[in-house]
Amino acid sequence: MNRIRQVRRLWETVRHLKPIQIYGRIGYRLRRPRAANAVAVRRRDASGHWAETFAGPPSLVGPTEFLLLNEVRQLDPGGWDDASVPRLWRYNLHYFSDLTAIDNALRADWHQSLLRRWVAENAPGVGTGWEPYPTSLRIVNWIKWALTGHALDADVEASLAIQLDWLTRRLEHHLLGNHLFSNAKALVYGGLYFEGPDADRWLRIGLGILRRELAEQVLPDGGHFERSPMYHALAIEDVLDLINIDQAFADRAGLAAQLRPTAQRMLRWLQSMSHPDGEIGFFNDAAFGIAPSLDALSAYATRLGLTLPRAEAAPLVHLRDSGYLRVSFGDCVALIDVAPVGPDYQPGHAHADTLSFELSVAGRRVFVNSGTSEYGLSPERLRQRGTAAHNTLIVGALNSSDVWSGFRVGRRAHPTGMTLHQEADLVRVACSHDGYQPTLGLIHTRTWTFTPGRLVIQDQLSRSGPTSEARFHLHPDIAAIAPELLPLASGKTMHVSTTGADAMTLAASTWHPRFGQSIPSKVLAVQISGGTATTTFAW
């Protein structure tokens, strides 16, 4: 039976893949192209305007000391590809993100030394640093640094051209999604920064991919198709960066005019999926400190001459294509997930969070989903992706979608039958999902009813089944000692009551607002053995 389950899981995982992912993966593993020794290009004159880009927090805290993913490590001799260091940390090391960080000019001498060292110690085509994704991000950061007025040594600029040529042979068609988009962005950057036949080829390949991927990855409502607010914010930065590089080279690629409306739609989506504190909601893989904030992206867009979209003032905003809702009612803001897990062929950043939600009251977060503190194959990574780490209903010990390994999804929950009802003093949202149907024969339906100072949540199963539990994860600022009475960080008090439930308890949990960070918190758990239970939150 275990083998049958494994085969079924594998089938549910791979049956959605596009053919290019299958033969692309085979080709990627079997084909080992050689990197060129040199590429005959020269730097192009930038005749347009280069705007100041987004500047993140510094990651270089000493000449060879890095703070990445909340972990400080020294770059020892030969340490660019130390197998004892987590792979994600090594990826970030090779990005060179400090080149564009806050006060980067103060560290210019360190940067020059590290650039030379990277070229000397990373043989073309060998090691983590030459994998397509870190190569793509590094190319962009090196070019941004050069366009800001820093001089690339001849050896460094020659390596940059070799990296671009190499990237054309290692495009991530087997992954698609944000990886392939980043590959294309790097090729556009290189194709504009350099000139010559090879540079023209890079630009042509990059633009071809971008135009295809933009049409698919940015949904009509402005949301990114992977349904992660964090990756959505990164995608906005990508689009703004592309506008910037095109304007710097006098609209040579013809991208700026095309991408301006796209950037505005994406900013409007991010406005809707941010809490009153200005930061993103945690749905699917999401954490602070990886992507620029809404304010930072808005400031960048303004520097590029974009008109910022007005924030939606309506009590109910339905992001129909991506599958999220924002309810702004009185002093509360709720973000509600009625979305599919992501694109069927690439749900790698999906969590089993269908029909989860987050809530802020009086400008402060109250209910929060797990967040993301790590990638990889650990049990903790799997736990953070699971249903129990989110504000929704878990039946038995089963996840609503079968998340497994680090980035895999087998059986998927599909939201169905959503209804919306709005009156002057009431907003009601109802939706079902079939994630438990194949295994348990159950449909979960959740209804959120908002009235002034009150949220009522009804969870209903289509028939009796295993014991279920509605989980409501509290922000760490809420020092609750009893499940019925929650002292909110805003100074208000939230009263909690249930009907149809067996018990309501308060248990220890953790929240993961940044990579490498786990903060103790508490979770309110409502145990249900019957088919329906209602939980009321009044403040």
Protein backbone atom coordinates (compact mmCIF):
# COMPACT_ATOMS: atom_id res chain seq x y z
CA MET A 1 0.00 0.00 0.00
CA ASN A 2 2.87 2.36 0.76
CA ARG A 3 4.34 1.76 -2.69
CA ILE A 4 0.95 2.38 -4.30
CA ARG A 5 0.68 5.68 -2.43
CA GLN A 6 4.15 6.68 -3.57
CA VAL A 7 3.33 5.92 -7.19
CA ARG A 8 0.07 7.86 -6.92
CA ARG A 9 1.89 10.84 -5.36
CA LEU A 10 4.49 10.81 -8.10
CA TRP A 11 1.81 10.66 -10.78
CA GLU A 12 -0.14 13.54 -9.23
CA THR A 13 3.11 15.53 -9.14
CA VAL A 14 4.41 14.95 -12.66
CA ARG A 15 1.21 14.70 -14.70
CA HIS A 16 0.89 18.49 -14.80
CA LEU A 17 4.37 19.11 -16.19
CA LYS A 18 4.83 20.66 -19.60
CA PRO A 19 6.73 18.54 -22.13
CA ILE A 20 9.54 21.12 -22.20
CA GLN A 21 10.08 20.55 -18.47
CA ILE A 22 10.54 16.82 -19.01
CA TYR A 23 12.89 16.86 -21.98
CA GLY A 24 14.44 20.07 -20.68
CA ARG A 25 15.36 18.34 -17.42
CA ILE A 26 16.84 15.39 -19.28
CA GLY A 27 18.85 17.71 -21.51
CA TYR A 28 19.94 19.85 -18.57
CA ARG A 29 21.32 16.82 -16.73
CA LEU A 30 22.93 15.12 -19.70
CA ARG A 31 24.31 18.08 -21.64
CA ARG A 32 27.42 19.66 -20.14
CA PRO A 33 28.38 22.59 -22.35
CA ARG A 34 31.81 24.14 -22.06
CA ALA A 35 32.18 27.79 -21.16
CA ALA A 36 33.88 30.02 -23.70
CA ASN A 37 37.34 31.32 -22.91
CA ALA A 38 36.44 34.78 -24.21
CA VAL A 39 33.53 36.57 -25.91
CA ALA A 40 34.14 39.39 -28.39
CA VAL A 41 31.91 42.21 -27.14
CA ARG A 42 32.50 45.76 -25.95
CA ARG A 43 30.64 48.02 -23.58
CA ARG A 44 27.86 50.12 -25.15
CA ASP A 45 27.50 53.81 -24.32
CA ALA A 46 24.43 54.50 -22.16
CA SER A 47 22.77 57.51 -23.79
CA GLY A 48 19.63 57.56 -21.64
CA HIS A 49 18.86 58.04 -17.95
CA TRP A 50 19.73 55.41 -15.34
CA ALA A 51 17.59 55.82 -12.21
CA GLU A 52 18.58 54.85 -8.70
CA THR A 53 17.47 51.24 -8.14
CA PHE A 54 16.09 49.60 -5.02
CA ALA A 55 18.74 49.43 -2.29
CA GLY A 56 18.33 46.63 0.20
CA PRO A 57 20.05 46.16 3.56
CA PRO A 58 23.82 45.56 3.41
CA SER A 59 24.95 41.95 3.44
CA LEU A 60 28.70 42.60 3.49
CA VAL A 61 29.69 43.34 7.10
CA GLY A 62 33.45 43.04 6.63
CA PRO A 63 35.88 42.73 3.73
CA THR A 64 35.08 39.00 3.46
CA GLU A 65 32.28 38.58 6.01
CA PHE A 66 28.66 38.16 4.90
CA LEU A 67 25.32 38.42 6.69
CA LEU A 68 22.93 36.39 4.55
CA LEU A 69 19.61 34.85 5.58
CA ASN A 70 20.24 36.08 9.14
CA GLU A 71 23.44 34.04 9.37
CA VAL A 72 26.97 35.48 9.43
CA ARG A 73 29.77 33.55 7.73
CA GLN A 74 33.33 34.32 6.75
CA LEU A 75 34.43 33.70 3.17
CA ASP A 76 37.44 31.47 3.80
CA PRO A 77 39.95 30.59 1.07
CA GLY A 78 38.11 28.41 -1.39
CA GLY A 79 34.86 29.09 0.46
CA TRP A 80 32.75 30.12 -2.50
CA ASP A 81 31.43 26.57 -2.79
CA ASP A 82 31.83 25.01 0.66
CA ALA A 83 29.58 21.92 0.68
CA SER A 84 29.11 22.24 4.45
CA VAL A 85 27.32 25.57 3.94
CA PRO A 86 23.57 25.38 3.12
CA ARG A 87 22.92 25.65 -0.59
CA LEU A 88 20.57 28.63 -0.29
CA TRP A 89 23.21 30.59 1.64
CA ARG A 90 25.77 29.78 -1.07
CA TYR A 91 23.31 30.93 -3.73
CA ASN A 92 22.94 34.27 -1.94
CA LEU A 93 26.70 34.57 -1.62
CA HIS A 94 27.06 34.40 -5.41
CA TYR A 95 24.31 36.98 -6.06
CA PHE A 96 26.55 39.94 -5.09
CA SER A 97 23.47 41.78 -3.81
CA ASP A 98 25.61 44.08 -1.63
CA LEU A 99 26.72 45.88 -4.80
CA THR A 100 23.33 47.59 -4.88
CA ALA A 101 22.68 47.75 -1.12
CA ILE A 102 22.32 50.81 1.10
CA ASP A 103 25.54 52.85 1.38
CA ASN A 104 27.24 50.56 -1.15
CA ALA A 105 29.70 53.30 -2.14
CA LEU A 106 31.28 53.07 1.31
CA ARG A 107 32.24 49.47 0.57
CA ALA A 108 33.46 49.98 -3.00
CA ASP A 109 37.01 48.83 -2.22
CA TRP A 110 35.67 45.62 -0.66
CA HIS A 111 33.49 45.12 -3.71
CA GLN A 112 36.36 45.54 -6.15
CA SER A 113 38.42 43.00 -4.23
CA LEU A 114 35.58 40.46 -4.10
CA LEU A 115 34.82 40.86 -7.80
CA ARG A 116 38.43 40.11 -8.68
CA ARG A 117 38.51 37.22 -6.24
CA TRP A 118 35.30 35.72 -7.62
CA VAL A 119 36.70 35.72 -11.15
CA ALA A 120 39.98 34.17 -9.99
CA GLU A 121 38.43 31.48 -7.79
CA ASN A 122 35.34 30.40 -9.79
CA ALA A 123 36.42 28.58 -12.93
CA PRO A 124 33.97 29.10 -15.82
CA GLY A 125 31.09 26.65 -15.75
CA VAL A 126 32.09 25.02 -12.44
CA GLY A 127 30.31 25.07 -9.09
CA THR A 128 27.26 26.59 -7.46
CA GLY A 129 28.11 30.09 -8.64
CA TRP A 130 27.72 29.06 -12.26
CA GLU A 131 24.27 27.56 -11.87
CA PRO A 132 21.81 29.56 -14.00
CA TYR A 133 19.83 31.28 -11.24
CA PRO A 134 22.74 32.76 -9.24
CA THR A 135 24.47 33.55 -12.53
CA SER A 136 21.41 35.52 -13.66
CA LEU A 137 21.14 37.57 -10.47
CA ARG A 138 24.88 38.21 -10.36
CA ILE A 139 24.95 39.45 -13.98
CA VAL A 140 22.24 42.00 -13.19
CA ASN A 141 23.93 43.19 -9.99
CA TRP A 142 27.33 43.59 -11.67
CA ILE A 143 25.77 45.63 -14.48
CA LYS A 144 23.77 47.77 -12.06
CA TRP A 145 26.98 48.50 -10.15
CA ALA A 146 28.77 49.48 -13.36
CA LEU A 147 25.91 51.75 -14.47
CA THR A 148 26.02 53.51 -11.11
CA GLY A 149 29.48 54.78 -12.00
CA HIS A 150 31.82 52.04 -10.78
CA ALA A 151 34.48 50.69 -13.12
CA LEU A 152 34.62 46.96 -13.80
CA ASP A 153 38.17 45.68 -14.21
CA ALA A 154 38.95 44.28 -17.64
CA ASP A 155 39.09 40.73 -16.24
CA VAL A 156 35.76 41.21 -14.46
CA GLU A 157 34.06 42.62 -17.56
CA ALA A 158 35.46 39.75 -19.65
CA SER A 159 34.06 37.28 -17.10
CA LEU A 160 30.68 39.04 -17.27
CA ALA A 161 30.55 38.42 -21.02
CA ILE A 162 31.53 34.76 -20.54
CA GLN A 163 28.76 34.37 -17.93
CA LEU A 164 26.18 35.76 -20.35
CA ASP A 165 27.31 33.46 -23.12
CA TRP A 166 27.24 30.51 -20.69
CA LEU A 167 23.73 31.40 -19.53
CA THR A 168 22.32 31.05 -23.05
CA ARG A 169 23.36 27.37 -22.90
CA ARG A 170 21.86 26.72 -19.44
CA LEU A 171 18.45 28.38 -19.59
CA GLU A 172 16.07 26.90 -17.03
CA HIS A 173 13.30 25.69 -19.32
CA HIS A 174 13.00 22.63 -17.08
CA LEU A 175 11.90 24.89 -14.20
CA LEU A 176 10.15 27.77 -16.01
CA GLY A 177 8.50 30.31 -13.66
CA ASN A 178 10.58 32.93 -11.91
CA HIS A 179 13.85 31.12 -12.72
CA LEU A 180 13.41 31.38 -16.49
CA PHE A 181 12.21 34.99 -16.12
CA SER A 182 15.42 35.83 -14.22
CA ASN A 183 17.50 34.16 -16.95
CA ALA A 184 15.78 36.32 -19.58
CA LYS A 185 16.17 39.51 -17.55
CA ALA A 186 19.93 38.89 -17.26
CA LEU A 187 20.23 38.37 -21.01
CA VAL A 188 18.40 41.64 -21.68
CA TYR A 189 20.71 43.43 -19.26
CA GLY A 190 23.77 41.94 -20.94
CA GLY A 191 22.44 42.52 -24.44
CA LEU A 192 22.00 46.24 -23.68
CA TYR A 193 25.17 46.74 -21.63
CA PHE A 194 27.38 45.20 -24.33
CA GLU A 195 27.34 45.60 -28.09
CA GLY A 196 28.35 43.26 -30.88
CA PRO A 197 26.79 40.20 -32.57
CA ASP A 198 26.82 38.13 -29.37
CA ALA A 199 25.20 40.92 -27.39
CA ASP A 200 22.51 41.26 -30.06
CA ARG A 201 21.88 37.52 -29.76
CA TRP A 202 21.56 37.70 -25.98
CA LEU A 203 19.10 40.56 -26.28
CA ARG A 204 17.03 38.73 -28.88
CA ILE A 205 16.84 35.55 -26.77
CA GLY A 206 16.03 37.46 -23.59
CA LEU A 207 13.29 39.56 -25.17
CA GLY A 208 11.71 36.49 -26.77
CA ILE A 209 11.48 34.73 -23.41
CA LEU A 210 10.29 37.82 -21.56
CA ARG A 211 7.41 38.51 -23.91
CA ARG A 212 6.17 34.94 -23.63
CA GLU A 213 6.61 34.72 -19.88
CA LEU A 214 5.13 38.11 -19.05
CA ALA A 215 1.89 37.16 -20.80
CA GLU A 216 1.65 34.00 -18.69
CA GLN A 217 3.23 34.96 -15.38
CA VAL A 218 1.43 38.28 -14.78
CA LEU A 219 -2.29 37.58 -14.48
CA PRO A 220 -4.97 40.06 -15.61
CA ASP A 221 -5.55 41.23 -12.03
CA GLY A 222 -1.82 42.03 -11.74
CA GLY A 223 -0.90 39.06 -9.57
CA HIS A 224 2.11 36.86 -10.23
CA PHE A 225 0.98 33.36 -11.18
CA GLU A 226 2.95 31.61 -8.39
CA ARG A 227 0.62 33.27 -5.83
CA SER A 228 3.40 34.20 -3.41
CA PRO A 229 3.33 37.87 -2.35
CA MET A 230 7.09 37.69 -1.77
CA TYR A 231 7.85 36.42 -5.27
CA HIS A 232 5.29 38.88 -6.62
CA ALA A 233 7.28 41.75 -5.08
CA LEU A 234 10.48 40.35 -6.57
CA ALA A 235 8.73 40.20 -9.95
CA ILE A 236 7.76 43.88 -9.63
CA GLU A 237 11.41 44.74 -8.98
CA ASP A 238 12.33 42.74 -12.10
CA VAL A 239 9.83 44.68 -14.21
CA LEU A 240 11.01 48.04 -12.84
CA ASP A 241 14.63 47.02 -13.44
CA LEU A 242 13.79 46.20 -17.05
CA ILE A 243 12.14 49.59 -17.52
CA ASN A 244 15.22 51.20 -16.00
CA ILE A 245 17.80 49.44 -18.20
CA ASP A 246 15.77 50.14 -21.33
CA GLN A 247 15.52 53.84 -20.49
CA ALA A 248 19.24 53.94 -19.74
CA PHE A 249 19.92 52.83 -23.31
CA ALA A 250 17.35 55.16 -24.90
CA ASP A 251 14.54 52.56 -25.23
CA ARG A 252 16.68 50.37 -27.46
CA ALA A 253 14.75 47.23 -26.47
CA GLY A 254 11.29 48.83 -26.66
CA LEU A 255 10.40 47.48 -23.22
CA ALA A 256 9.74 50.58 -21.13
CA ALA A 257 6.44 51.61 -22.74
CA GLN A 258 5.22 48.01 -22.78
CA LEU A 259 6.03 47.36 -19.11
CA ARG A 260 4.71 50.53 -17.50
CA PRO A 261 1.04 49.39 -17.39
CA THR A 262 2.20 45.96 -16.21
CA ALA A 263 4.13 47.49 -13.32
CA GLN A 264 1.12 49.58 -12.31
CA ARG A 265 -1.18 46.53 -12.25
CA MET A 266 1.36 44.58 -10.20
CA LEU A 267 1.75 47.42 -7.69
CA ARG A 268 -2.02 47.62 -7.27
CA TRP A 269 -2.11 43.87 -6.51
CA LEU A 270 0.65 44.24 -3.92
CA GLN A 271 -1.26 47.08 -2.27
CA SER A 272 -4.23 44.77 -1.87
CA MET A 273 -2.11 41.92 -0.46
CA SER A 274 -0.31 44.04 2.14
CA HIS A 275 -1.34 44.61 5.74
CA PRO A 276 -1.80 48.09 7.23
CA ASP A 277 1.84 47.86 8.42
CA GLY A 278 2.84 48.02 4.72
CA GLU A 279 4.30 44.51 4.58
CA ILE A 280 3.07 41.46 2.67
CA GLY A 281 0.69 38.78 3.82
CA PHE A 282 2.20 35.31 4.26
CA PHE A 283 0.69 33.00 1.67
CA ASN A 284 2.76 30.23 0.08
CA ASP A 285 6.51 30.86 0.38
CA ALA A 286 6.75 34.32 1.90
CA ALA A 287 9.03 36.16 4.32
CA PHE A 288 10.25 39.67 5.05
CA GLY A 289 13.69 40.82 3.98
CA ILE A 290 13.91 38.98 0.65
CA ALA A 291 11.87 41.25 -1.61
CA PRO A 292 11.50 45.05 -1.50
CA SER A 293 8.57 46.41 0.48
CA LEU A 294 5.58 48.10 -1.12
CA ASP A 295 6.92 51.52 -0.10
CA ALA A 296 10.36 50.79 -1.57
CA LEU A 297 8.89 49.56 -4.85
CA SER A 298 6.56 52.55 -5.04
CA ALA A 299 9.50 54.92 -4.54
CA TYR A 300 11.47 53.11 -7.27
CA ALA A 301 8.50 53.34 -9.63
CA THR A 302 8.22 57.06 -8.93
CA ARG A 303 11.90 57.58 -9.80
CA LEU A 304 11.16 55.89 -13.14
CA GLY A 305 8.34 58.33 -13.82
CA LEU A 306 5.45 55.92 -13.24
CA THR A 307 2.14 57.16 -11.89
CA LEU A 308 1.33 55.11 -8.80
CA PRO A 309 -2.06 53.40 -8.65
CA ARG A 310 -4.51 54.60 -6.02
CA ALA A 311 -5.05 52.19 -3.15
CA GLU A 312 -8.41 50.42 -3.32
CA ALA A 313 -10.78 51.99 -0.79
CA ALA A 314 -13.59 49.45 -1.25
CA PRO A 315 -14.52 47.24 1.73
CA LEU A 316 -14.17 44.16 -0.49
CA VAL A 317 -11.48 43.73 -3.17
CA HIS A 318 -11.63 40.52 -5.20
CA LEU A 319 -8.41 39.64 -7.00
CA ARG A 320 -10.35 37.35 -9.27
CA ASP A 321 -7.59 35.90 -11.44
CA SER A 322 -5.09 35.10 -8.73
CA GLY A 323 -7.72 34.07 -6.18
CA TYR A 324 -7.34 36.36 -3.16
CA LEU A 325 -9.63 38.73 -1.30
CA ARG A 326 -9.00 41.80 0.79
CA VAL A 327 -11.68 42.81 3.29
CA SER A 328 -11.29 46.26 4.87
CA PHE A 329 -14.12 46.60 7.33
CA GLY A 330 -14.08 49.08 10.18
CA ASP A 331 -10.73 48.77 11.96
CA CYS A 332 -9.89 45.33 10.56
CA VAL A 333 -8.16 44.18 7.39
CA ALA A 334 -8.33 40.54 6.32
CA LEU A 335 -6.48 38.82 3.49
CA ILE A 336 -8.24 35.63 2.38
CA ASP A 337 -6.88 32.76 0.29
CA VAL A 338 -9.41 31.26 -2.13
CA ALA A 339 -6.68 30.58 -4.69
CA PRO A 340 -5.32 27.49 -6.42
CA VAL A 341 -1.91 26.45 -5.13
CA GLY A 342 -0.19 28.02 -8.14
CA PRO A 343 0.53 27.14 -11.75
CA ASP A 344 -0.08 23.40 -12.10
CA TYR A 345 3.24 22.78 -13.79
CA GLN A 346 5.29 24.78 -11.25
CA PRO A 347 3.81 24.82 -7.73
CA GLY A 348 7.24 24.69 -6.08
CA HIS A 349 6.57 27.61 -3.73
CA ALA A 350 3.07 26.45 -2.75
CA HIS A 351 1.89 25.75 0.78
CA ALA A 352 -1.15 23.70 1.76
CA ASP A 353 -2.91 26.90 2.84
CA THR A 354 -6.21 26.84 0.93
CA LEU A 355 -8.96 28.82 2.73
CA SER A 356 -6.46 30.31 5.15
CA PHE A 357 -6.51 34.00 6.05
CA GLU A 358 -4.61 36.69 7.93
CA LEU A 359 -6.14 39.45 10.05
CA SER A 360 -5.00 42.86 11.28
CA VAL A 361 -7.01 44.87 13.82
CA ALA A 362 -6.35 48.57 14.49
CA GLY A 363 -3.28 48.40 12.26
CA ARG A 364 -1.60 45.46 14.05
CA ARG A 365 -1.40 41.83 12.95
CA VAL A 366 -3.49 39.35 14.91
CA PHE A 367 -3.68 36.08 12.92
CA VAL A 368 -0.62 35.16 10.85
CA ASN A 369 0.29 32.23 8.63
CA SER A 370 3.56 30.42 9.18
CA GLY A 371 5.97 32.37 7.00
CA THR A 372 9.13 30.74 5.67
CA SER A 373 12.45 30.33 7.47
CA GLU A 374 14.17 27.78 5.24
CA TYR A 375 14.18 25.90 1.97
CA GLY A 376 15.61 22.44 1.39
CA LEU A 377 14.41 18.98 2.41
CA SER A 378 14.17 19.23 6.20
CA PRO A 379 11.13 18.17 8.29
CA GLU A 380 10.81 21.81 9.40
CA ARG A 381 10.52 22.97 5.79
CA LEU A 382 7.75 20.41 5.27
CA ARG A 383 5.99 21.43 8.49
CA GLN A 384 5.96 25.10 7.49
CA ARG A 385 4.36 24.20 4.17
CA GLY A 386 1.70 22.04 5.85
CA THR A 387 -1.92 22.94 6.56
CA ALA A 388 -1.46 22.92 10.34
CA ALA A 389 0.94 25.89 10.08
CA HIS A 390 -1.81 28.07 8.56
CA ASN A 391 -5.09 29.63 9.63
CA THR A 392 -7.41 27.04 8.17
CA LEU A 393 -8.93 23.62 8.92
CA ILE A 394 -6.83 20.46 9.08
CA VAL A 395 -8.67 17.13 8.98
CA GLY A 396 -6.93 14.28 10.79
CA ALA A 397 -3.24 14.72 10.07
CA LEU A 398 -3.78 15.26 6.34
CA ASN A 399 -2.64 18.32 4.41
CA SER A 400 -5.24 19.94 2.18
CA SER A 401 -2.72 19.71 -0.68
CA ASP A 402 -0.06 17.01 -0.68
CA VAL A 403 3.08 19.09 -0.22
CA TRP A 404 6.18 16.91 -0.09
CA SER A 405 9.94 17.09 -0.50
CA GLY A 406 11.14 20.70 -0.56
CA PHE A 407 9.22 22.01 -3.56
CA ARG A 408 6.81 19.29 -4.67
CA VAL A 409 3.02 19.07 -4.65
CA GLY A 410 1.03 15.93 -5.45
CA ARG A 411 -2.73 16.01 -4.88
CA ARG A 412 -3.97 19.63 -4.98
CA ALA A 413 -6.90 21.40 -3.36
CA HIS A 414 -9.18 23.26 -5.79
CA PRO A 415 -11.33 26.13 -4.45
CA THR A 416 -14.94 25.91 -5.65
CA GLY A 417 -18.28 27.63 -5.26
CA MET A 418 -17.10 30.96 -3.87
CA THR A 419 -19.85 33.45 -3.01
CA LEU A 420 -19.61 37.09 -1.92
CA HIS A 421 -22.25 39.12 -0.12
CA GLN A 422 -21.94 42.74 0.91
CA GLU A 423 -24.25 45.12 2.77
CA ALA A 424 -23.68 48.43 4.52
CA ASP A 425 -22.62 46.79 7.79
CA LEU A 426 -21.72 43.26 6.66
CA VAL A 427 -19.33 41.43 4.36
CA ARG A 428 -19.61 37.66 3.89
CA VAL A 429 -17.29 35.37 1.95
CA ALA A 430 -17.85 31.64 1.50
CA CYS A 431 -15.78 29.08 -0.38
CA SER A 432 -15.18 25.32 -0.49
CA HIS A 433 -12.25 23.14 -1.46
CA ASP A 434 -11.91 19.51 -2.46
CA GLY A 435 -8.44 18.78 -1.09
CA TYR A 436 -9.71 16.11 1.32
CA GLN A 437 -12.10 14.57 -1.21
CA PRO A 438 -9.77 11.98 -2.87
CA THR A 439 -8.55 10.52 0.43
CA LEU A 440 -11.37 11.14 2.92
CA GLY A 441 -14.37 11.88 0.72
CA LEU A 442 -14.84 15.29 2.38
CA ILE A 443 -15.43 18.82 1.14
CA HIS A 444 -14.43 21.68 3.44
CA THR A 445 -16.51 24.85 3.30
CA ARG A 446 -15.53 27.98 5.20
CA THR A 447 -17.58 31.15 5.65
CA TRP A 448 -16.18 34.44 6.93
CA THR A 449 -18.74 37.01 8.16
CA PHE A 450 -17.51 40.49 9.05
CA THR A 451 -19.63 42.98 11.01
CA PRO A 452 -18.38 45.98 13.00
CA GLY A 453 -15.92 44.73 15.65
CA ARG A 454 -16.64 41.09 14.91
CA LEU A 455 -15.54 38.19 12.69
CA VAL A 456 -17.49 34.93 12.63
CA ILE A 457 -15.92 31.91 10.93
CA GLN A 458 -17.94 28.78 10.19
CA ASP A 459 -16.14 25.60 9.16
CA GLN A 460 -18.29 22.85 7.70
CA LEU A 461 -17.45 19.39 6.41
CA SER A 462 -19.68 17.66 3.91
CA ARG A 463 -19.97 14.66 6.24
CA SER A 464 -18.58 13.42 9.53
CA GLY A 465 -15.03 12.18 9.37
CA PRO A 466 -11.83 12.16 11.39
CA THR A 467 -11.41 14.76 14.11
CA SER A 468 -10.57 18.11 12.56
CA GLU A 469 -9.04 21.25 13.95
CA ALA A 470 -9.44 24.89 12.97
CA ARG A 471 -6.16 26.64 13.73
CA PHE A 472 -5.66 30.37 14.32
CA HIS A 473 -2.00 31.33 14.70
CA LEU A 474 -1.44 34.44 16.83
CA HIS A 475 1.18 37.07 16.09
CA PRO A 476 3.99 36.85 18.69
CA ASP A 477 3.04 40.27 20.08
CA ILE A 478 -0.18 38.77 21.47
CA ALA A 479 0.62 37.45 24.96
CA ALA A 480 -2.47 35.29 25.38
CA ILE A 481 -2.87 33.17 28.51
CA ALA A 482 -6.42 31.91 27.87
CA PRO A 483 -8.08 30.97 24.58
CA GLU A 484 -11.21 32.98 25.33
CA LEU A 485 -9.41 36.29 25.89
CA LEU A 486 -6.72 37.68 23.60
CA PRO A 487 -5.00 40.98 24.56
CA LEU A 488 -4.16 42.56 21.21
CA ALA A 489 -1.00 44.55 20.55
CA SER A 490 -3.14 47.57 19.63
CA GLY A 491 -4.50 47.74 23.20
CA LYS A 492 -7.84 46.22 22.28
CA THR A 493 -9.10 42.91 23.70
CA MET A 494 -10.45 40.11 21.55
CA HIS A 495 -13.09 37.75 22.98
CA VAL A 496 -13.31 34.29 21.43
CA SER A 497 -16.22 31.83 21.63
CA THR A 498 -17.25 28.69 19.75
CA THR A 499 -20.34 26.64 19.05
CA GLY A 500 -20.33 23.08 17.73
CA ALA A 501 -16.72 22.51 18.81
CA ASP A 502 -15.45 19.96 21.30
CA ALA A 503 -12.75 22.15 22.81
CA MET A 504 -10.75 25.31 22.33
CA THR A 505 -7.13 25.33 23.47
CA LEU A 506 -4.04 27.50 23.35
CA ALA A 507 -0.76 25.84 22.39
CA ALA A 508 2.85 26.80 21.69
CA SER A 509 3.79 27.48 18.08
CA THR A 510 6.35 29.45 16.05
CA TRP A 511 6.26 32.21 13.46
CA HIS A 512 8.88 32.60 10.74
CA PRO A 513 8.91 36.17 9.41
CA ARG A 514 12.42 35.89 7.89
CA PHE A 515 14.71 33.21 6.58
CA GLY A 516 16.76 31.78 9.42
CA GLN A 517 14.30 33.12 12.01
CA SER A 518 11.83 31.26 14.24
CA ILE A 519 9.90 33.28 16.85
CA PRO A 520 7.87 31.63 19.64
CA SER A 521 4.16 32.27 19.31
CA LYS A 522 0.85 30.67 20.21
CA VAL A 523 -1.90 29.00 18.23
CA LEU A 524 -5.58 28.90 19.08
CA ALA A 525 -6.89 25.43 18.18
CA VAL A 526 -10.60 24.60 17.88
CA GLN A 527 -11.21 20.83 17.91
CA ILE A 528 -14.19 19.59 15.93
CA SER A 529 -15.58 16.05 15.81
CA GLY A 530 -18.93 16.92 14.28
CA GLY A 531 -19.54 18.33 10.85
CA THR A 532 -19.79 22.05 11.65
CA ALA A 533 -18.32 24.52 14.12
CA THR A 534 -18.50 28.30 14.40
CA THR A 535 -15.82 30.49 15.97
CA THR A 536 -16.58 34.11 16.87
CA PHE A 537 -13.94 36.78 17.41
CA ALA A 538 -15.19 40.06 18.90
CA TRP A 539 -13.07 43.06 19.83
